[in-house]
Amino acid sequence: MTVNVTGGKLSEAEINAYVKRATEKNAGKKLSAIDINVDGDYVDLKYTFEPVPFNRIRRVTGYLVGTLDRWNDAKQAEEKDRVKHGV
């Protein structure tokens, strides 16, 4: 993780407190960088998180599915032979 401090100096304890706050307020996201801009008594924080993987979900024959790997061969062949609209 990258920590950038501009406009002033912060102690290691202050930086760790900002990192802890970011991870607690954004549970489930992985923090990749934090930019801390010190302006007198004020501090601006900018968090950068690692991208969240996106899984495509489709509605096939009334079922919501993410992947077709659990379908049997016949159902996979049926899906393959379908006419796809708007792809």
N, C-alpha and C. Protein backbone atom coordinates (compact mmCIF):
# COMPACT_ATOMS: atom_id res chain seq x y z
N MET A 1 0.85 -1.17 0.00
CA MET A 1 0.00 0.00 0.00
C MET A 1 0.90 1.24 0.00
N THR A 2 0.47 2.25 -0.75
CA THR A 2 1.21 3.50 -0.86
C THR A 2 0.55 4.58 -0.01
N VAL A 3 1.37 5.30 0.75
CA VAL A 3 0.88 6.43 1.54
C VAL A 3 1.65 7.67 1.11
N ASN A 4 0.92 8.69 0.63
CA ASN A 4 1.53 9.95 0.22
C ASN A 4 1.04 11.06 1.13
N VAL A 5 1.98 11.77 1.77
CA VAL A 5 1.64 12.89 2.64
C VAL A 5 2.19 14.16 2.00
N THR A 6 1.31 15.15 1.76
CA THR A 6 1.75 16.42 1.18
C THR A 6 1.28 17.57 2.06
N GLY A 7 2.00 18.69 2.00
CA GLY A 7 1.58 19.91 2.69
C GLY A 7 1.96 19.97 4.16
N GLY A 8 2.61 18.97 4.67
CA GLY A 8 2.99 18.97 6.08
C GLY A 8 3.53 17.61 6.48
N LYS A 9 3.72 17.46 7.78
CA LYS A 9 4.24 16.19 8.29
C LYS A 9 3.26 15.59 9.29
N LEU A 10 3.20 14.27 9.27
CA LEU A 10 2.36 13.53 10.21
C LEU A 10 3.20 12.45 10.87
N SER A 11 2.86 12.15 12.11
CA SER A 11 3.56 11.06 12.79
C SER A 11 3.10 9.72 12.23
N GLU A 12 3.88 8.71 12.48
CA GLU A 12 3.53 7.35 12.03
C GLU A 12 2.20 6.91 12.67
N ALA A 13 1.97 7.30 13.91
CA ALA A 13 0.73 6.95 14.60
C ALA A 13 -0.49 7.59 13.91
N GLU A 14 -0.36 8.86 13.48
CA GLU A 14 -1.46 9.53 12.79
C GLU A 14 -1.76 8.86 11.45
N ILE A 15 -0.69 8.54 10.72
CA ILE A 15 -0.87 7.87 9.42
C ILE A 15 -1.56 6.52 9.63
N ASN A 16 -1.12 5.76 10.61
CA ASN A 16 -1.73 4.45 10.88
C ASN A 16 -3.19 4.59 11.28
N ALA A 17 -3.53 5.67 11.99
CA ALA A 17 -4.93 5.91 12.39
C ALA A 17 -5.79 6.19 11.16
N TYR A 18 -5.27 6.96 10.20
CA TYR A 18 -6.03 7.22 8.97
C TYR A 18 -6.21 5.95 8.13
N VAL A 19 -5.17 5.14 8.08
CA VAL A 19 -5.27 3.86 7.33
C VAL A 19 -6.29 2.95 8.00
N LYS A 20 -6.25 2.87 9.33
CA LYS A 20 -7.20 2.03 10.07
C LYS A 20 -8.63 2.52 9.83
N ARG A 21 -8.83 3.83 9.86
CA ARG A 21 -10.16 4.40 9.63
C ARG A 21 -10.67 4.04 8.24
N ALA A 22 -9.81 4.15 7.26
CA ALA A 22 -10.20 3.84 5.87
C ALA A 22 -10.60 2.37 5.73
N THR A 23 -9.85 1.47 6.33
CA THR A 23 -10.16 0.05 6.20
C THR A 23 -11.42 -0.32 6.98
N GLU A 24 -11.66 0.32 8.12
CA GLU A 24 -12.86 0.03 8.90
C GLU A 24 -14.13 0.56 8.23
N LYS A 25 -14.05 1.76 7.66
CA LYS A 25 -15.23 2.37 7.02
C LYS A 25 -15.55 1.74 5.67
N ASN A 26 -14.60 1.03 5.08
CA ASN A 26 -14.79 0.43 3.77
C ASN A 26 -14.48 -1.06 3.83
N ALA A 27 -15.17 -1.74 4.73
CA ALA A 27 -14.94 -3.17 4.92
C ALA A 27 -15.20 -3.93 3.61
N GLY A 28 -14.35 -4.90 3.34
CA GLY A 28 -14.51 -5.70 2.14
C GLY A 28 -13.73 -5.17 0.95
N LYS A 29 -13.22 -3.95 1.06
CA LYS A 29 -12.41 -3.38 -0.02
C LYS A 29 -10.95 -3.37 0.42
N LYS A 30 -10.05 -3.58 -0.55
CA LYS A 30 -8.63 -3.58 -0.24
C LYS A 30 -8.03 -2.23 -0.62
N LEU A 31 -7.48 -1.55 0.37
CA LEU A 31 -6.89 -0.23 0.19
C LEU A 31 -5.55 -0.37 -0.52
N SER A 32 -5.38 0.32 -1.65
CA SER A 32 -4.11 0.24 -2.37
C SER A 32 -3.27 1.50 -2.19
N ALA A 33 -3.91 2.64 -1.92
CA ALA A 33 -3.17 3.88 -1.69
C ALA A 33 -4.02 4.87 -0.90
N ILE A 34 -3.34 5.72 -0.17
CA ILE A 34 -4.02 6.80 0.54
C ILE A 34 -3.18 8.07 0.36
N ASP A 35 -3.84 9.14 -0.08
CA ASP A 35 -3.19 10.44 -0.24
C ASP A 35 -3.70 11.34 0.87
N ILE A 36 -2.76 11.87 1.65
CA ILE A 36 -3.10 12.73 2.79
C ILE A 36 -2.53 14.11 2.51
N ASN A 37 -3.42 15.10 2.42
CA ASN A 37 -3.01 16.48 2.19
C ASN A 37 -3.24 17.27 3.47
N VAL A 38 -2.16 17.73 4.09
CA VAL A 38 -2.24 18.48 5.34
C VAL A 38 -2.32 19.97 5.01
N ASP A 39 -3.36 20.62 5.55
CA ASP A 39 -3.56 22.05 5.33
C ASP A 39 -3.84 22.71 6.68
N GLY A 40 -2.78 23.02 7.39
CA GLY A 40 -2.94 23.61 8.73
C GLY A 40 -3.54 22.59 9.68
N ASP A 41 -4.71 22.93 10.23
CA ASP A 41 -5.40 22.02 11.14
C ASP A 41 -6.29 21.02 10.41
N TYR A 42 -6.41 21.16 9.09
CA TYR A 42 -7.29 20.29 8.31
C TYR A 42 -6.49 19.26 7.53
N VAL A 43 -7.11 18.13 7.33
CA VAL A 43 -6.49 17.04 6.58
C VAL A 43 -7.49 16.54 5.56
N ASP A 44 -7.08 16.49 4.29
CA ASP A 44 -7.91 15.91 3.24
C ASP A 44 -7.39 14.51 2.93
N LEU A 45 -8.31 13.58 2.84
CA LEU A 45 -7.94 12.19 2.58
C LEU A 45 -8.53 11.73 1.25
N LYS A 46 -7.72 11.04 0.48
CA LYS A 46 -8.21 10.44 -0.76
C LYS A 46 -7.78 8.98 -0.75
N TYR A 47 -8.77 8.09 -0.79
CA TYR A 47 -8.50 6.66 -0.77
C TYR A 47 -8.55 6.09 -2.18
N THR A 48 -7.68 5.15 -2.45
CA THR A 48 -7.71 4.41 -3.70
C THR A 48 -7.79 2.93 -3.34
N PHE A 49 -8.81 2.27 -3.87
CA PHE A 49 -9.01 0.86 -3.58
C PHE A 49 -8.73 0.02 -4.81
N GLU A 50 -8.36 -1.22 -4.57
CA GLU A 50 -8.15 -2.14 -5.69
C GLU A 50 -9.51 -2.44 -6.32
N PRO A 51 -9.52 -2.63 -7.64
CA PRO A 51 -10.80 -2.89 -8.31
C PRO A 51 -11.45 -4.18 -7.81
N VAL A 52 -12.76 -4.14 -7.76
CA VAL A 52 -13.54 -5.30 -7.35
C VAL A 52 -13.86 -6.11 -8.60
N PRO A 53 -13.56 -7.42 -8.57
CA PRO A 53 -13.87 -8.22 -9.75
C PRO A 53 -15.36 -8.22 -10.05
N PHE A 54 -15.70 -8.13 -11.31
CA PHE A 54 -17.08 -8.08 -11.74
C PHE A 54 -17.47 -9.42 -12.35
N ASN A 55 -18.55 -9.98 -11.86
CA ASN A 55 -19.08 -11.22 -12.41
C ASN A 55 -20.38 -10.92 -13.14
N ARG A 56 -20.45 -11.37 -14.36
CA ARG A 56 -21.65 -11.17 -15.15
C ARG A 56 -22.74 -12.12 -14.67
N ILE A 57 -23.92 -11.59 -14.47
CA ILE A 57 -25.07 -12.42 -14.09
C ILE A 57 -26.09 -12.32 -15.21
N ARG A 58 -26.56 -13.47 -15.66
CA ARG A 58 -27.53 -13.50 -16.75
C ARG A 58 -28.79 -14.22 -16.28
N ARG A 59 -29.86 -13.89 -16.93
CA ARG A 59 -31.12 -14.59 -16.67
C ARG A 59 -31.34 -15.56 -17.82
N VAL A 60 -31.27 -16.83 -17.51
CA VAL A 60 -31.42 -17.87 -18.52
C VAL A 60 -32.56 -18.78 -18.08
N THR A 61 -33.55 -18.89 -18.91
CA THR A 61 -34.74 -19.72 -18.65
C THR A 61 -35.30 -19.51 -17.25
N GLY A 62 -35.32 -18.24 -16.84
CA GLY A 62 -35.94 -17.91 -15.56
C GLY A 62 -35.00 -18.01 -14.37
N TYR A 63 -33.75 -18.42 -14.57
CA TYR A 63 -32.79 -18.55 -13.47
C TYR A 63 -31.72 -17.49 -13.60
N LEU A 64 -31.28 -16.93 -12.48
CA LEU A 64 -30.15 -16.01 -12.48
C LEU A 64 -28.89 -16.85 -12.31
N VAL A 65 -27.99 -16.74 -13.27
CA VAL A 65 -26.76 -17.53 -13.22
C VAL A 65 -25.56 -16.63 -13.44
N GLY A 66 -24.46 -16.95 -12.77
CA GLY A 66 -23.21 -16.24 -12.97
C GLY A 66 -22.34 -16.97 -13.98
N THR A 67 -22.16 -18.26 -13.76
CA THR A 67 -21.37 -19.08 -14.68
C THR A 67 -22.18 -20.31 -15.04
N LEU A 68 -21.82 -20.90 -16.15
CA LEU A 68 -22.55 -22.07 -16.62
C LEU A 68 -21.80 -23.37 -16.33
N ASP A 69 -20.71 -23.29 -15.58
CA ASP A 69 -19.87 -24.47 -15.35
C ASP A 69 -20.56 -25.57 -14.55
N ARG A 70 -21.61 -25.24 -13.82
CA ARG A 70 -22.32 -26.26 -13.03
C ARG A 70 -23.46 -26.91 -13.80
N TRP A 71 -23.70 -26.44 -15.02
CA TRP A 71 -24.78 -27.01 -15.83
C TRP A 71 -24.31 -28.28 -16.50
N ASN A 72 -25.25 -29.18 -16.76
CA ASN A 72 -24.89 -30.41 -17.48
C ASN A 72 -24.67 -30.10 -18.96
N ASP A 73 -24.18 -31.10 -19.71
CA ASP A 73 -23.83 -30.89 -21.12
C ASP A 73 -25.02 -30.44 -21.96
N ALA A 74 -26.19 -31.02 -21.70
CA ALA A 74 -27.37 -30.68 -22.50
C ALA A 74 -27.78 -29.22 -22.28
N LYS A 75 -27.76 -28.76 -21.03
CA LYS A 75 -28.14 -27.38 -20.74
C LYS A 75 -27.11 -26.41 -21.31
N GLN A 76 -25.82 -26.75 -21.26
CA GLN A 76 -24.79 -25.90 -21.85
C GLN A 76 -24.94 -25.83 -23.37
N ALA A 77 -25.28 -26.96 -24.01
CA ALA A 77 -25.49 -26.96 -25.46
C ALA A 77 -26.70 -26.11 -25.82
N GLU A 78 -27.76 -26.19 -25.00
CA GLU A 78 -28.95 -25.38 -25.24
C GLU A 78 -28.60 -23.88 -25.18
N GLU A 79 -27.81 -23.49 -24.20
CA GLU A 79 -27.42 -22.10 -24.05
C GLU A 79 -26.54 -21.66 -25.23
N LYS A 80 -25.66 -22.54 -25.68
CA LYS A 80 -24.76 -22.22 -26.80
C LYS A 80 -25.53 -22.02 -28.10
N ASP A 81 -26.61 -22.76 -28.30
CA ASP A 81 -27.39 -22.69 -29.54
C ASP A 81 -28.38 -21.53 -29.57
N ARG A 82 -28.56 -20.83 -28.46
CA ARG A 82 -29.52 -19.73 -28.41
C ARG A 82 -29.09 -18.56 -29.26
N VAL A 83 -30.08 -17.84 -29.77
CA VAL A 83 -29.80 -16.59 -30.47
C VAL A 83 -29.63 -15.51 -29.40
N LYS A 84 -28.50 -14.83 -29.45
CA LYS A 84 -28.20 -13.80 -28.43
C LYS A 84 -28.58 -12.43 -28.98
N HIS A 85 -29.34 -11.68 -28.21
CA HIS A 85 -29.81 -10.35 -28.60
C HIS A 85 -29.11 -9.31 -27.77
N GLY A 86 -28.67 -8.22 -28.40
CA GLY A 86 -28.09 -7.10 -27.67
C GLY A 86 -26.74 -7.37 -27.06
N VAL A 87 -25.96 -8.28 -27.61
CA VAL A 87 -24.65 -8.58 -27.04
C VAL A 87 -23.59 -7.73 -27.68
